Amino acid sequence: MTPAVRIARIEDAAAIREIYAPSVTDGTATFETVLPEVGTMRERIHNRLARYPWLVWEESGDVLAYAYAGRFRERAAYDWIAETSIYVRADAHRRGIARRLYSALLDVMRLQGLTQAVGVITLPGAASVAMHAAMGFAPAGVWRQCGYKLGQWWDVGVWQKELQPAVNPPAAVIPFPRLPSAPLQSLLERQG
């Protein structure tokens, strides 16, 4: 079976949890400290897909990576910017999966009408910083000692990417489920 980028499904929750687990229990890619149950992951997928994309990289029926966008801040003025996240299974690193999956995510966000993507990276986070730089993100600031995990304080860097020029007045962002299926499917097939 050839690799494919596709929309996450509720049934992917266990595989997604498995990919996420090392970042929660032993890493700092997330500041979450308690591994969510599979049911919680199902809810997260369902709730996120109501407005934003959640994509997975699948090979031979196995989910090897996932990426999603989510609300940056609650105020309506922030509707055109979204925060992005990506996680790759440990045995699938260094194969170009992250860049291809992230490219698909950013392309979907453009289709929605989002104008900015923000990546938030626990520092030093060399691999994540390098990937975001390669994807065209630029440093936008550092939050100093803002997270405490694994017995120490961590700085968090913010990276920002313009997805498309902002226009005045802006069109409303299209919720993910309302995107036209033909352009969306074509976009996902190009990255698989």
C-alpha atoms as a PDB file:
ATOM      1  CA  MET A   1       0.000   0.000   0.000  1.00  0.00           C
ATOM      2  CA  THR A   2       1.421   3.403  -0.943  1.00  0.00           C
ATOM      3  CA  PRO A   3       1.824   6.142   1.655  1.00  0.00           C
ATOM      4  CA  ALA A   4      -1.158   8.444   1.929  1.00  0.00           C
ATOM      5  CA  VAL A   5      -2.099  11.697   3.592  1.00  0.00           C
ATOM      6  CA  ARG A   6      -5.705  11.542   4.683  1.00  0.00           C
ATOM      7  CA  ILE A   7      -8.148  13.114   7.091  1.00  0.00           C
ATOM      8  CA  ALA A   8      -7.965  11.651  10.589  1.00  0.00           C
ATOM      9  CA  ARG A   9     -10.802   9.399  11.698  1.00  0.00           C
ATOM     10  CA  ILE A  10     -12.102   8.642  15.173  1.00  0.00           C
ATOM     11  CA  GLU A  11     -10.750   5.104  14.689  1.00  0.00           C
ATOM     12  CA  ASP A  12      -7.209   6.541  14.547  1.00  0.00           C
ATOM     13  CA  ALA A  13      -7.357   7.598  18.202  1.00  0.00           C
ATOM     14  CA  ALA A  14      -5.368   4.656  19.597  1.00  0.00           C
ATOM     15  CA  ALA A  15      -2.565   5.031  17.024  1.00  0.00           C
ATOM     16  CA  ILE A  16      -2.481   8.798  17.561  1.00  0.00           C
ATOM     17  CA  ARG A  17      -2.288   8.295  21.324  1.00  0.00           C
ATOM     18  CA  GLU A  18       0.625   5.888  20.845  1.00  0.00           C
ATOM     19  CA  ILE A  19       2.516   8.426  18.722  1.00  0.00           C
ATOM     20  CA  TYR A  20       1.791  11.189  21.246  1.00  0.00           C
ATOM     21  CA  ALA A  21       2.673   9.172  24.368  1.00  0.00           C
ATOM     22  CA  PRO A  22       6.477   9.667  24.431  1.00  0.00           C
ATOM     23  CA  SER A  23       6.052  13.448  24.128  1.00  0.00           C
ATOM     24  CA  VAL A  24       3.756  13.440  27.145  1.00  0.00           C
ATOM     25  CA  THR A  25       5.601  11.012  29.387  1.00  0.00           C
ATOM     26  CA  ASP A  26       9.258  11.603  28.506  1.00  0.00           C
ATOM     27  CA  GLY A  27       9.514  14.680  26.295  1.00  0.00           C
ATOM     28  CA  THR A  28       8.773  18.370  26.085  1.00  0.00           C
ATOM     29  CA  ALA A  29       7.163  18.663  22.648  1.00  0.00           C
ATOM     30  CA  THR A  30       3.956  19.078  24.644  1.00  0.00           C
ATOM     31  CA  PHE A  31       3.431  20.464  28.125  1.00  0.00           C
ATOM     32  CA  GLU A  32       0.656  17.957  28.711  1.00  0.00           C
ATOM     33  CA  THR A  33       1.816  15.751  31.611  1.00  0.00           C
ATOM     34  CA  VAL A  34      -0.874  13.063  31.788  1.00  0.00           C
ATOM     35  CA  LEU A  35      -1.377  10.833  28.761  1.00  0.00           C
ATOM     36  CA  PRO A  36      -4.976  11.209  27.549  1.00  0.00           C
ATOM     37  CA  GLU A  37      -7.113   8.103  27.270  1.00  0.00           C
ATOM     38  CA  VAL A  38      -8.138   6.816  23.837  1.00  0.00           C
ATOM     39  CA  GLY A  39     -11.674   8.139  24.417  1.00  0.00           C
ATOM     40  CA  THR A  40     -10.268  11.606  25.064  1.00  0.00           C
ATOM     41  CA  MET A  41      -8.282  11.395  21.823  1.00  0.00           C
ATOM     42  CA  ARG A  42     -11.459  10.432  19.968  1.00  0.00           C
ATOM     43  CA  GLU A  43     -13.179  13.522  21.366  1.00  0.00           C
ATOM     44  CA  ARG A  44     -10.226  15.734  20.418  1.00  0.00           C
ATOM     45  CA  ILE A  45     -10.260  14.473  16.838  1.00  0.00           C
ATOM     46  CA  HIS A  46     -14.024  14.885  16.557  1.00  0.00           C
ATOM     47  CA  ASN A  47     -14.050  18.374  18.084  1.00  0.00           C
ATOM     48  CA  ARG A  48     -11.070  19.663  16.096  1.00  0.00           C
ATOM     49  CA  LEU A  49     -12.463  18.442  12.761  1.00  0.00           C
ATOM     50  CA  ALA A  50     -15.573  20.548  13.317  1.00  0.00           C
ATOM     51  CA  ARG A  51     -13.513  23.606  12.293  1.00  0.00           C
ATOM     52  CA  TYR A  52      -9.870  22.737  11.540  1.00  0.00           C
ATOM     53  CA  PRO A  53      -7.945  20.054   9.670  1.00  0.00           C
ATOM     54  CA  TRP A  54      -6.472  17.007  11.374  1.00  0.00           C
ATOM     55  CA  LEU A  55      -4.449  14.894   8.957  1.00  0.00           C
ATOM     56  CA  VAL A  56      -2.557  11.621   9.262  1.00  0.00           C
ATOM     57  CA  TRP A  57       0.234   9.954   7.304  1.00  0.00           C
ATOM     58  CA  GLU A  58      -0.642   6.315   6.701  1.00  0.00           C
ATOM     59  CA  GLU A  59       1.491   3.498   5.296  1.00  0.00           C
ATOM     60  CA  SER A  60       0.291  -0.087   4.911  1.00  0.00           C
ATOM     61  CA  GLY A  61      -2.637   0.652   7.202  1.00  0.00           C
ATOM     62  CA  ASP A  62      -0.452   2.122   9.976  1.00  0.00           C
ATOM     63  CA  VAL A  63      -0.667   5.751  11.091  1.00  0.00           C
ATOM     64  CA  LEU A  64       2.931   6.992  11.318  1.00  0.00           C
ATOM     65  CA  ALA A  65       2.324  10.712  11.907  1.00  0.00           C
ATOM     66  CA  TYR A  66      -0.386  13.267  12.440  1.00  0.00           C
ATOM     67  CA  ALA A  67      -0.713  17.031  12.122  1.00  0.00           C
ATOM     68  CA  TYR A  68      -3.504  19.418  12.960  1.00  0.00           C
ATOM     69  CA  ALA A  69      -4.414  23.062  13.221  1.00  0.00           C
ATOM     70  CA  GLY A  70      -6.341  24.660  16.029  1.00  0.00           C
ATOM     71  CA  ARG A  71      -7.604  27.929  17.349  1.00  0.00           C
ATOM     72  CA  PHE A  72      -4.769  30.286  18.310  1.00  0.00           C
ATOM     73  CA  ARG A  73      -6.744  32.506  20.718  1.00  0.00           C
ATOM     74  CA  GLU A  74     -10.435  32.797  21.552  1.00  0.00           C
ATOM     75  CA  ARG A  75     -11.116  36.373  20.413  1.00  0.00           C
ATOM     76  CA  ALA A  76     -12.839  36.723  17.027  1.00  0.00           C
ATOM     77  CA  ALA A  77     -10.110  39.026  15.707  1.00  0.00           C
ATOM     78  CA  TYR A  78      -7.799  35.976  15.685  1.00  0.00           C
ATOM     79  CA  ASP A  79     -10.045  33.915  13.370  1.00  0.00           C
ATOM     80  CA  TRP A  80      -7.499  34.040  10.490  1.00  0.00           C
ATOM     81  CA  ILE A  81      -4.554  32.596  12.412  1.00  0.00           C
ATOM     82  CA  ALA A  82      -4.209  29.016  13.653  1.00  0.00           C
ATOM     83  CA  GLU A  83      -1.678  27.116  15.726  1.00  0.00           C
ATOM     84  CA  THR A  84      -0.216  23.974  14.179  1.00  0.00           C
ATOM     85  CA  SER A  85       1.082  20.747  15.703  1.00  0.00           C
ATOM     86  CA  ILE A  86       2.761  17.682  14.260  1.00  0.00           C
ATOM     87  CA  TYR A  87       3.930  14.406  15.787  1.00  0.00           C
ATOM     88  CA  VAL A  88       5.789  11.570  14.047  1.00  0.00           C
ATOM     89  CA  ARG A  89       6.186   8.035  15.344  1.00  0.00           C
ATOM     90  CA  ALA A  90       9.759   7.473  16.551  1.00  0.00           C
ATOM     91  CA  ASP A  91      10.521   4.766  13.979  1.00  0.00           C
ATOM     92  CA  ALA A  92       9.376   7.030  11.129  1.00  0.00           C
ATOM     93  CA  HIS A  93      11.690   9.992  11.791  1.00  0.00           C
ATOM     94  CA  ARG A  94      14.125  11.281   9.149  1.00  0.00           C
ATOM     95  CA  ARG A  95      12.071  10.051   6.174  1.00  0.00           C
ATOM     96  CA  GLY A  96      10.578  13.366   5.044  1.00  0.00           C
ATOM     97  CA  ILE A  97       7.137  12.468   6.394  1.00  0.00           C
ATOM     98  CA  ALA A  98       6.905  15.531   8.649  1.00  0.00           C
ATOM     99  CA  ARG A  99       7.585  17.982   5.824  1.00  0.00           C
ATOM    100  CA  ARG A 100       5.147  16.347   3.432  1.00  0.00           C
ATOM    101  CA  LEU A 101       2.401  16.066   6.036  1.00  0.00           C
ATOM    102  CA  TYR A 102       2.996  19.618   7.279  1.00  0.00           C
ATOM    103  CA  SER A 103       2.902  20.892   3.683  1.00  0.00           C
ATOM    104  CA  ALA A 104      -0.487  19.267   3.225  1.00  0.00           C
ATOM    105  CA  LEU A 105      -1.738  20.802   6.470  1.00  0.00           C
ATOM    106  CA  LEU A 106      -0.604  24.299   5.465  1.00  0.00           C
ATOM    107  CA  ASP A 107      -2.177  23.899   2.018  1.00  0.00           C
ATOM    108  CA  VAL A 108      -5.502  22.903   3.590  1.00  0.00           C
ATOM    109  CA  MET A 109      -5.302  25.917   5.888  1.00  0.00           C
ATOM    110  CA  ARG A 110      -4.842  28.137   2.811  1.00  0.00           C
ATOM    111  CA  LEU A 111      -7.948  26.583   1.240  1.00  0.00           C
ATOM    112  CA  GLN A 112      -9.853  27.519   4.385  1.00  0.00           C
ATOM    113  CA  GLY A 113      -8.770  31.146   4.040  1.00  0.00           C
ATOM    114  CA  LEU A 114      -6.445  31.206   7.035  1.00  0.00           C
ATOM    115  CA  THR A 115      -3.684  33.788   6.607  1.00  0.00           C
ATOM    116  CA  GLN A 116      -1.187  32.837   9.331  1.00  0.00           C
ATOM    117  CA  ALA A 117       0.144  29.646  10.885  1.00  0.00           C
ATOM    118  CA  VAL A 118       1.909  29.609  14.240  1.00  0.00           C
ATOM    119  CA  GLY A 119       4.183  26.869  15.526  1.00  0.00           C
ATOM    120  CA  VAL A 120       5.000  26.793  19.236  1.00  0.00           C
ATOM    121  CA  ILE A 121       8.225  24.917  20.053  1.00  0.00           C
ATOM    122  CA  THR A 122       9.788  24.028  23.399  1.00  0.00           C
ATOM    123  CA  LEU A 123      13.400  25.179  23.187  1.00  0.00           C
ATOM    124  CA  PRO A 124      15.985  24.194  22.240  1.00  0.00           C
ATOM    125  CA  GLY A 125      13.920  21.817  20.030  1.00  0.00           C
ATOM    126  CA  ALA A 126      16.565  21.702  17.281  1.00  0.00           C
ATOM    127  CA  ALA A 127      14.738  19.264  14.979  1.00  0.00           C
ATOM    128  CA  SER A 128      11.434  21.143  15.219  1.00  0.00           C
ATOM    129  CA  VAL A 129      13.127  24.517  14.786  1.00  0.00           C
ATOM    130  CA  ALA A 130      14.935  23.225  11.675  1.00  0.00           C
ATOM    131  CA  MET A 131      11.746  21.795  10.191  1.00  0.00           C
ATOM    132  CA  HIS A 132       9.780  24.995  10.776  1.00  0.00           C
ATOM    133  CA  ALA A 133      12.575  27.065   9.237  1.00  0.00           C
ATOM    134  CA  ALA A 134      12.645  24.743   6.207  1.00  0.00           C
ATOM    135  CA  MET A 135       8.866  25.179   5.882  1.00  0.00           C
ATOM    136  CA  GLY A 136       9.222  28.970   5.729  1.00  0.00           C
ATOM    137  CA  PHE A 137       8.330  29.829   9.314  1.00  0.00           C
ATOM    138  CA  ALA A 138      10.193  32.743  10.883  1.00  0.00           C
ATOM    139  CA  PRO A 139      10.947  33.278  14.584  1.00  0.00           C
ATOM    140  CA  ALA A 140       8.320  35.533  16.158  1.00  0.00           C
ATOM    141  CA  GLY A 141       9.343  35.558  19.809  1.00  0.00           C
ATOM    142  CA  VAL A 142      10.256  33.562  22.884  1.00  0.00           C
ATOM    143  CA  TRP A 143       8.236  33.026  26.032  1.00  0.00           C
ATOM    144  CA  ARG A 144      10.861  32.674  28.779  1.00  0.00           C
ATOM    145  CA  GLN A 145      10.579  29.923  31.407  1.00  0.00           C
ATOM    146  CA  CYS A 146       6.878  29.525  30.761  1.00  0.00           C
ATOM    147  CA  GLY A 147       6.533  25.771  31.185  1.00  0.00           C
ATOM    148  CA  TYR A 148       7.653  23.490  33.992  1.00  0.00           C
ATOM    149  CA  LYS A 149       8.043  19.830  33.087  1.00  0.00           C
ATOM    150  CA  LEU A 150      10.448  16.986  33.855  1.00  0.00           C
ATOM    151  CA  GLY A 151      11.932  18.900  36.781  1.00  0.00           C
ATOM    152  CA  GLN A 152      12.890  22.095  35.008  1.00  0.00           C
ATOM    153  CA  TRP A 153      11.635  25.303  33.413  1.00  0.00           C
ATOM    154  CA  TRP A 154      11.468  25.540  29.614  1.00  0.00           C
ATOM    155  CA  ASP A 155      11.444  28.431  27.167  1.00  0.00           C
ATOM    156  CA  VAL A 156       9.018  28.276  24.270  1.00  0.00           C
ATOM    157  CA  GLY A 157       9.719  29.745  20.855  1.00  0.00           C
ATOM    158  CA  VAL A 158       7.007  30.973  18.553  1.00  0.00           C
ATOM    159  CA  TRP A 159       7.397  30.600  14.779  1.00  0.00           C
ATOM    160  CA  GLN A 160       5.032  32.252  12.317  1.00  0.00           C
ATOM    161  CA  LYS A 161       4.311  31.731   8.629  1.00  0.00           C
ATOM    162  CA  GLU A 162       2.187  33.838   6.315  1.00  0.00           C
ATOM    163  CA  LEU A 163      -0.042  31.480   4.375  1.00  0.00           C
ATOM    164  CA  GLN A 164      -1.474  34.179   2.132  1.00  0.00           C
ATOM    165  CA  PRO A 165      -1.733  37.949   2.204  1.00  0.00           C
ATOM    166  CA  ALA A 166      -4.328  39.424   4.518  1.00  0.00           C
ATOM    167  CA  VAL A 167      -7.004  41.405   2.689  1.00  0.00           C
ATOM    168  CA  ASN A 168      -9.267  44.105   4.018  1.00  0.00           C
ATOM    169  CA  PRO A 169     -11.980  43.198   4.726  1.00  0.00           C
ATOM    170  CA  PRO A 170     -11.186  39.499   5.077  1.00  0.00           C
ATOM    171  CA  ALA A 171     -13.530  36.761   3.907  1.00  0.00           C
ATOM    172  CA  ALA A 172     -14.787  34.417   6.603  1.00  0.00           C
ATOM    173  CA  VAL A 173     -12.633  31.347   7.214  1.00  0.00           C
ATOM    174  CA  ILE A 174     -14.262  28.231   5.773  1.00  0.00           C
ATOM    175  CA  PRO A 175     -14.769  25.548   8.449  1.00  0.00           C
ATOM    176  CA  PHE A 176     -12.866  22.403   7.485  1.00  0.00           C
ATOM    177  CA  PRO A 177     -15.966  20.216   6.892  1.00  0.00           C
ATOM    178  CA  ARG A 178     -17.282  22.764   4.375  1.00  0.00           C
ATOM    179  CA  LEU A 179     -14.235  22.729   2.114  1.00  0.00           C
ATOM    180  CA  PRO A 180     -15.040  21.539  -1.413  1.00  0.00           C
ATOM    181  CA  SER A 181     -14.112  17.867  -1.547  1.00  0.00           C
ATOM    182  CA  ALA A 182     -12.475  17.786  -5.014  1.00  0.00           C
ATOM    183  CA  PRO A 183      -9.756  20.405  -4.312  1.00  0.00           C
ATOM    184  CA  LEU A 184      -9.187  18.965  -0.845  1.00  0.00           C
ATOM    185  CA  GLN A 185      -8.774  15.400  -2.126  1.00  0.00           C
ATOM    186  CA  SER A 186      -6.449  16.557  -4.918  1.00  0.00           C
ATOM    187  CA  LEU A 187      -4.298  18.419  -2.432  1.00  0.00           C
ATOM    188  CA  LEU A 188      -4.006  15.418  -0.104  1.00  0.00           C
ATOM    189  CA  GLU A 189      -3.171  13.044  -2.966  1.00  0.00           C
ATOM    190  CA  ARG A 190      -0.291  15.277  -4.090  1.00  0.00           C
ATOM    191  CA  GLN A 191       1.453  14.850  -0.717  1.00  0.00           C
ATOM    192  CA  GLY A 192       0.921  11.085  -0.302  1.00  0.00           C
END
